[in-house]
C-alpha atoms as a PDB file:
ATOM      1  CA  MET A   1     -36.658 -18.036 207.584  1.00  0.00           C
ATOM      2  CA  LYS A   2     -37.823 -14.472 208.316  1.00  0.00           C
ATOM      3  CA  GLU A   3     -39.782 -13.987 211.105  1.00  0.00           C
ATOM      4  CA  PRO A   4     -43.605 -12.935 210.443  1.00  0.00           C
ATOM      5  CA  ARG A   5     -44.640  -9.230 210.748  1.00  0.00           C
ATOM      6  CA  GLY A   6     -47.712  -8.061 212.034  1.00  0.00           C
ATOM      7  CA  ILE A   7     -50.156  -6.056 210.717  1.00  0.00           C
ATOM      8  CA  SER A   8     -50.659  -3.880 213.336  1.00  0.00           C
ATOM      9  CA  GLY A   9     -48.128  -1.188 212.445  1.00  0.00           C
ATOM     10  CA  LEU A  10     -48.247   1.894 210.880  1.00  0.00           C
ATOM     11  CA  GLY A  11     -47.872   0.806 206.792  1.00  0.00           C
ATOM     12  CA  GLY A  12     -51.040  -1.588 207.247  1.00  0.00           C
ATOM     13  CA  ALA A  13     -52.970   1.001 209.033  1.00  0.00           C
ATOM     14  CA  LEU A  14     -52.804   3.437 206.149  1.00  0.00           C
ATOM     15  CA  ARG A  15     -53.036   0.324 203.666  1.00  0.00           C
ATOM     16  CA  LYS A  16     -57.065  -0.579 205.493  1.00  0.00           C
ATOM     17  CA  ILE A  17     -57.646   3.026 205.789  1.00  0.00           C
ATOM     18  CA  LEU A  18     -56.710   3.786 201.918  1.00  0.00           C
ATOM     19  CA  GLY A  19     -58.341   0.932 201.143  1.00  0.00           C
ATOM     20  CA  VAL A  20     -61.784   2.001 202.006  1.00  0.00           C
ATOM     21  CA  VAL A  21     -61.271   5.828 201.010  1.00  0.00           C
ATOM     22  CA  PHE A  22     -60.493   4.033 197.922  1.00  0.00           C
ATOM     23  CA  ALA A  23     -63.220   2.143 197.941  1.00  0.00           C
ATOM     24  CA  LEU A  24     -65.283   5.695 198.783  1.00  0.00           C
ATOM     25  CA  LEU A  25     -63.925   7.600 195.957  1.00  0.00           C
ATOM     26  CA  ILE A  26     -65.330   4.660 193.375  1.00  0.00           C
ATOM     27  CA  PHE A  27     -68.201   4.333 194.807  1.00  0.00           C
ATOM     28  CA  TYR A  28     -69.077   7.947 195.287  1.00  0.00           C
ATOM     29  CA  GLY A  29     -67.046   9.017 191.701  1.00  0.00           C
ATOM     30  CA  VAL A  30     -68.799   5.895 189.528  1.00  0.00           C
ATOM     31  CA  PRO A  31     -70.038   8.212 186.503  1.00  0.00           C
ATOM     32  CA  PHE A  32     -74.271   7.246 186.316  1.00  0.00           C
ATOM     33  CA  ASP A  33     -76.200   9.775 184.631  1.00  0.00           C
ATOM     34  CA  TRP A  34     -73.475  11.472 181.782  1.00  0.00           C
ATOM     35  CA  GLY A  35     -76.832  13.124 179.763  1.00  0.00           C
ATOM     36  CA  ALA A  36     -76.393  16.005 177.794  1.00  0.00           C
ATOM     37  CA  GLY A  37     -77.036  18.848 179.451  1.00  0.00           C
ATOM     38  CA  GLY A  38     -76.025  19.093 183.487  1.00  0.00           C
ATOM     39  CA  ASP A  39     -73.525  20.486 185.776  1.00  0.00           C
ATOM     40  CA  TRP A  40     -70.337  19.447 183.713  1.00  0.00           C
ATOM     41  CA  PRO A  41     -67.452  20.214 186.529  1.00  0.00           C
ATOM     42  CA  SER A  42     -69.653  18.520 188.596  1.00  0.00           C
ATOM     43  CA  LYS A  43     -69.596  15.276 186.637  1.00  0.00           C
ATOM     44  CA  ILE A  44     -65.445  15.837 185.802  1.00  0.00           C
ATOM     45  CA  PHE A  45     -65.110  15.723 189.211  1.00  0.00           C
ATOM     46  CA  GLY A  46     -66.574  12.623 189.997  1.00  0.00           C
ATOM     47  CA  LEU A  47     -65.068  10.925 187.367  1.00  0.00           C
ATOM     48  CA  CYS A  48     -61.597  12.819 188.595  1.00  0.00           C
ATOM     49  CA  ALA A  49     -62.547  11.232 191.744  1.00  0.00           C
ATOM     50  CA  PHE A  50     -63.679   7.631 190.539  1.00  0.00           C
ATOM     51  CA  LEU A  51     -60.455   7.355 188.117  1.00  0.00           C
ATOM     52  CA  ALA A  52     -58.548   8.089 191.465  1.00  0.00           C
ATOM     53  CA  GLY A  53     -60.563   5.719 193.486  1.00  0.00           C
ATOM     54  CA  ILE A  54     -59.883   2.921 190.779  1.00  0.00           C
ATOM     55  CA  GLY A  55     -56.100   4.621 190.544  1.00  0.00           C
ATOM     56  CA  GLY A  56     -55.151   4.156 194.045  1.00  0.00           C
ATOM     57  CA  LEU A  57     -57.546   0.513 195.043  1.00  0.00           C
ATOM     58  CA  ILE A  58     -54.890  -1.102 192.646  1.00  0.00           C
ATOM     59  CA  TRP A  59     -51.905   0.503 193.913  1.00  0.00           C
ATOM     60  CA  VAL A  60     -53.325  -0.588 197.396  1.00  0.00           C
ATOM     61  CA  THR A  61     -54.156  -4.540 196.313  1.00  0.00           C
ATOM     62  CA  TRP A  62     -50.244  -4.143 194.157  1.00  0.00           C
ATOM     63  CA  ARG A  63     -49.373  -3.680 197.646  1.00  0.00           C
ATOM     64  CA  HIS A  64     -51.067  -6.437 199.500  1.00  0.00           C
ATOM     65  CA  VAL A  65     -49.901  -8.929 197.112  1.00  0.00           C
ATOM     66  CA  LEU A  66     -45.964  -8.183 197.202  1.00  0.00           C
ATOM     67  CA  ARG A  67     -46.405  -8.462 201.258  1.00  0.00           C
ATOM     68  CA  TYR A  68     -48.393 -11.651 200.971  1.00  0.00           C
ATOM     69  CA  LEU A  69     -45.653 -12.559 198.929  1.00  0.00           C
ATOM     70  CA  GLU A  70     -43.054 -11.780 201.104  1.00  0.00           C
ATOM     71  CA  GLU A  71     -44.860 -13.671 204.130  1.00  0.00           C
ATOM     72  CA  PRO A  72     -47.304 -16.065 202.653  1.00  0.00           C
ATOM     73  CA  ALA A  73     -47.669 -17.943 206.381  1.00  0.00           C
ATOM     74  CA  ALA A  74     -48.730 -14.046 208.205  1.00  0.00           C
ATOM     75  CA  THR A  75     -51.960 -15.026 209.868  1.00  0.00           C
ATOM     76  CA  GLY A  76     -52.385 -11.092 209.299  1.00  0.00           C
ATOM     77  CA  GLY A  77     -51.704 -10.731 205.566  1.00  0.00           C
ATOM     78  CA  ARG A  78     -54.461 -12.810 205.110  1.00  0.00           C
ATOM     79  CA  VAL A  79     -56.772 -11.113 207.292  1.00  0.00           C
ATOM     80  CA  GLU A  80     -56.225  -8.000 205.773  1.00  0.00           C
ATOM     81  CA  GLY A  81     -56.555  -9.201 202.219  1.00  0.00           C
ATOM     82  CA  ILE A  82     -60.077 -10.698 203.005  1.00  0.00           C
ATOM     83  CA  LEU A  83     -61.580  -7.411 204.851  1.00  0.00           C
ATOM     84  CA  LEU A  84     -59.751  -5.746 200.935  1.00  0.00           C
ATOM     85  CA  LEU A  85     -61.869  -7.958 199.369  1.00  0.00           C
ATOM     86  CA  LEU A  86     -64.968  -7.521 201.886  1.00  0.00           C
ATOM     87  CA  CYS A  87     -64.784  -3.350 201.109  1.00  0.00           C
ATOM     88  CA  VAL A  88     -64.256  -3.859 197.257  1.00  0.00           C
ATOM     89  CA  VAL A  89     -67.333  -6.296 197.098  1.00  0.00           C
ATOM     90  CA  ALA A  90     -69.036  -3.974 199.717  1.00  0.00           C
ATOM     91  CA  MET A  91     -68.790  -1.508 197.388  1.00  0.00           C
ATOM     92  CA  PHE A  92     -69.864  -2.850 194.226  1.00  0.00           C
ATOM     93  CA  PHE A  93     -72.972  -4.342 195.896  1.00  0.00           C
ATOM     94  CA  ALA A  94     -74.253  -0.794 196.792  1.00  0.00           C
ATOM     95  CA  LEU A  95     -73.714   0.302 193.096  1.00  0.00           C
ATOM     96  CA  TYR A  96     -75.639  -2.212 192.359  1.00  0.00           C
ATOM     97  CA  TYR A  97     -78.767  -1.538 194.701  1.00  0.00           C
ATOM     98  CA  TYR A  98     -78.044   1.814 193.875  1.00  0.00           C
ATOM     99  CA  ARG A  99     -78.463   0.829 189.834  1.00  0.00           C
ATOM    100  CA  ILE A 100     -81.510  -0.699 189.960  1.00  0.00           C
ATOM    101  CA  ALA A 101     -83.317   1.305 192.597  1.00  0.00           C
ATOM    102  CA  VAL A 102     -82.882   3.604 190.574  1.00  0.00           C
ATOM    103  CA  ARG A 103     -83.775   2.146 186.997  1.00  0.00           C
ATOM    104  CA  TYR A 104     -86.476  -0.096 188.643  1.00  0.00           C
ATOM    105  CA  PRO A 105     -88.479   2.020 191.442  1.00  0.00           C
ATOM    106  CA  GLY A 106     -90.334  -1.020 192.706  1.00  0.00           C
ATOM    107  CA  GLN A 107     -86.988  -3.141 193.620  1.00  0.00           C
ATOM    108  CA  PHE A 108     -86.394  -1.543 196.978  1.00  0.00           C
ATOM    109  CA  ASP A 109     -88.141   0.332 199.583  1.00  0.00           C
ATOM    110  CA  GLY A 110     -85.740   3.636 200.950  1.00  0.00           C
ATOM    111  CA  ILE A 111     -83.561   3.865 198.440  1.00  0.00           C
ATOM    112  CA  VAL A 112     -82.997   6.642 197.195  1.00  0.00           C
ATOM    113  CA  THR A 113     -78.885   7.853 197.576  1.00  0.00           C
ATOM    114  CA  ARG A 114     -76.016   6.111 196.990  1.00  0.00           C
ATOM    115  CA  THR A 115     -75.824   6.896 200.901  1.00  0.00           C
ATOM    116  CA  ASP A 116     -79.339   5.082 201.927  1.00  0.00           C
ATOM    117  CA  ALA A 117     -77.791   1.999 199.222  1.00  0.00           C
ATOM    118  CA  LEU A 118     -74.056   1.999 200.958  1.00  0.00           C
ATOM    119  CA  TYR A 119     -76.222   1.998 204.296  1.00  0.00           C
ATOM    120  CA  TYR A 120     -78.319  -0.800 203.120  1.00  0.00           C
ATOM    121  CA  THR A 121     -75.094  -3.094 202.287  1.00  0.00           C
ATOM    122  CA  ILE A 122     -73.108  -2.532 205.958  1.00  0.00           C
ATOM    123  CA  VAL A 123     -76.554  -3.289 207.760  1.00  0.00           C
ATOM    124  CA  THR A 124     -76.936  -6.224 205.556  1.00  0.00           C
ATOM    125  CA  LEU A 125     -73.368  -7.298 206.222  1.00  0.00           C
ATOM    126  CA  GLY A 126     -73.608  -6.439 209.706  1.00  0.00           C
ATOM    127  CA  THR A 127     -76.583  -9.117 209.347  1.00  0.00           C
ATOM    128  CA  VAL A 128     -78.650  -6.412 211.732  1.00  0.00           C
ATOM    129  CA  GLY A 129     -81.709  -5.361 209.352  1.00  0.00           C
ATOM    130  CA  PHE A 130     -82.874  -2.631 210.931  1.00  0.00           C
ATOM    131  CA  GLY A 131     -86.087  -3.160 208.341  1.00  0.00           C
ATOM    132  CA  ASP A 132     -86.319   0.623 207.070  1.00  0.00           C
ATOM    133  CA  ILE A 133     -85.010   0.023 203.954  1.00  0.00           C
ATOM    134  CA  HIS A 134     -85.327  -3.367 202.499  1.00  0.00           C
ATOM    135  CA  ALA A 135     -85.872  -5.533 199.351  1.00  0.00           C
ATOM    136  CA  THR A 136     -89.731  -5.482 197.671  1.00  0.00           C
ATOM    137  CA  GLY A 137     -89.024  -6.799 194.107  1.00  0.00           C
ATOM    138  CA  GLN A 138     -87.247 -10.461 192.671  1.00  0.00           C
ATOM    139  CA  ALA A 139     -83.752  -8.634 191.329  1.00  0.00           C
ATOM    140  CA  ALA A 140     -83.661  -6.541 194.631  1.00  0.00           C
ATOM    141  CA  ARG A 141     -84.295 -10.520 196.806  1.00  0.00           C
ATOM    142  CA  ILE A 142     -81.747 -12.136 194.828  1.00  0.00           C
ATOM    143  CA  ALA A 143     -79.028  -9.504 194.800  1.00  0.00           C
ATOM    144  CA  THR A 144     -79.663  -9.677 198.486  1.00  0.00           C
ATOM    145  CA  MET A 145     -79.409 -13.351 198.996  1.00  0.00           C
ATOM    146  CA  ILE A 146     -76.289 -13.251 197.211  1.00  0.00           C
ATOM    147  CA  GLN A 147     -74.993 -10.538 199.292  1.00  0.00           C
ATOM    148  CA  ILE A 148     -75.442 -12.742 202.630  1.00  0.00           C
ATOM    149  CA  VAL A 149     -74.513 -15.911 200.866  1.00  0.00           C
ATOM    150  CA  PHE A 150     -70.851 -14.051 200.608  1.00  0.00           C
ATOM    151  CA  ASP A 151     -71.325 -12.229 203.525  1.00  0.00           C
ATOM    152  CA  LEU A 152     -71.520 -15.828 204.913  1.00  0.00           C
ATOM    153  CA  VAL A 153     -68.785 -17.150 202.937  1.00  0.00           C
ATOM    154  CA  VAL A 154     -66.359 -14.821 204.088  1.00  0.00           C
ATOM    155  CA  ILE A 155     -67.414 -14.569 207.849  1.00  0.00           C
ATOM    156  CA  GLY A 156     -67.205 -18.056 207.752  1.00  0.00           C
ATOM    157  CA  THR A 157     -63.340 -18.094 206.168  1.00  0.00           C
ATOM    158  CA  LEU A 158     -62.221 -14.881 208.703  1.00  0.00           C
ATOM    159  CA  LEU A 159     -62.709 -17.322 211.520  1.00  0.00           C
ATOM    160  CA  ALA A 160     -60.766 -20.371 209.943  1.00  0.00           C
ATOM    161  CA  ILE A 161     -57.802 -17.767 209.326  1.00  0.00           C
ATOM    162  CA  ALA A 162     -58.256 -16.371 212.865  1.00  0.00           C
ATOM    163  CA  SER A 163     -58.614 -19.893 214.569  1.00  0.00           C
ATOM    164  CA  SER A 164     -55.988 -21.591 212.185  1.00  0.00           C
ATOM    165  CA  GLY A 165     -53.179 -18.838 213.669  1.00  0.00           C
ATOM    166  CA  ILE A 166     -53.822 -19.578 216.962  1.00  0.00           C
ATOM    167  CA  THR A 167     -53.464 -23.330 216.685  1.00  0.00           C
ATOM    168  CA  HIS A 168     -50.757 -22.532 215.228  1.00  0.00           C
ATOM    169  CA  ARG A 169     -49.233 -19.883 216.845  1.00  0.00           C
ATOM    170  CA  ILE A 170     -50.477 -22.738 220.564  1.00  0.00           C
ATOM    171  CA  GLN A 171     -48.045 -25.087 218.561  1.00  0.00           C
ATOM    172  CA  ALA A 172     -45.441 -23.404 218.294  1.00  0.00           C
ATOM    173  CA  ALA A 173     -45.532 -22.132 221.744  1.00  0.00           C
ATOM    174  CA  ALA A 174     -45.889 -25.337 222.837  1.00  0.00           C
ATOM    175  CA  GLU A 175     -43.140 -26.702 220.478  1.00  0.00           C
ATOM    176  CA  ARG A 176     -41.082 -24.363 222.443  1.00  0.00           C
ATOM    177  CA  THR A 177     -41.590 -25.901 225.587  1.00  0.00           C
ATOM    178  CA  THR A 178     -40.740 -29.095 225.118  1.00  0.00           C
ATOM    179  CA  ARG A 179     -37.397 -28.190 223.676  1.00  0.00           C
ATOM    180  CA  GLY A 180     -36.833 -26.128 225.998  1.00  0.00           C
ATOM    181  CA  ASP A 181     -36.017 -23.227 224.650  1.00  0.00           C
ATOM    182  CA  GLU A 182     -38.509 -21.254 226.904  1.00  0.00           C
ATOM    183  CA  PRO A 183     -39.553 -22.383 230.977  1.00  0.00           C
ATOM    184  CA  PRO A 184     -43.061 -24.013 230.916  1.00  0.00           C
ATOM    185  CA  ALA A 185     -45.781 -21.663 232.981  1.00  0.00           C
ATOM    186  CA  ALA A 186     -45.882 -21.379 236.277  1.00  0.00           C
ATOM    187  CA  ASP A 187     -49.199 -23.184 237.687  1.00  0.00           C
ATOM    188  CA  PRO A 188     -50.721 -20.392 239.482  1.00  0.00           C
ATOM    189  CA  GLY A 189     -52.998 -22.625 241.233  1.00  0.00           C
ATOM    190  CA  VAL A 190     -50.023 -23.942 243.020  1.00  0.00           C
END
């Protein structure tokens, strides 16, 4: 059986960074206002960024799935997958918040730009709630409640994965000690 490897290597860090970069390319590049007029070069650039983000996110997800299939018991791989999911879902919440704020101006107090929407999403994810941007309409409040429930489920899942990984390591160490594979730890109080 293959020994699970950690996610602290360069590949794991690169996948995480690329996941965030690709999600931001999608977030800032998604074409919302494609009317007849306007600045076409920036629209084309935005569309290219959006498509690059979609392609890159698919690639990062595929790499993660392959890694998970190689080592399904690796705690780090499960955590990495949850964090990638969190990144993608936060981007979609931010896009929804921005879209609803632009289409229905009375839904949010303070969301004017995409960055405002991303800020609100991250502040809500972090359960900070500074109050500078807040939901005022019913649709915005419902979407925010859905995000809060999602965030709580993700945080609970991350805690469950971490605690099961710690428990597994403690049990494995105890089994090695009882089999005599490694000497018991010396009692520092003696």
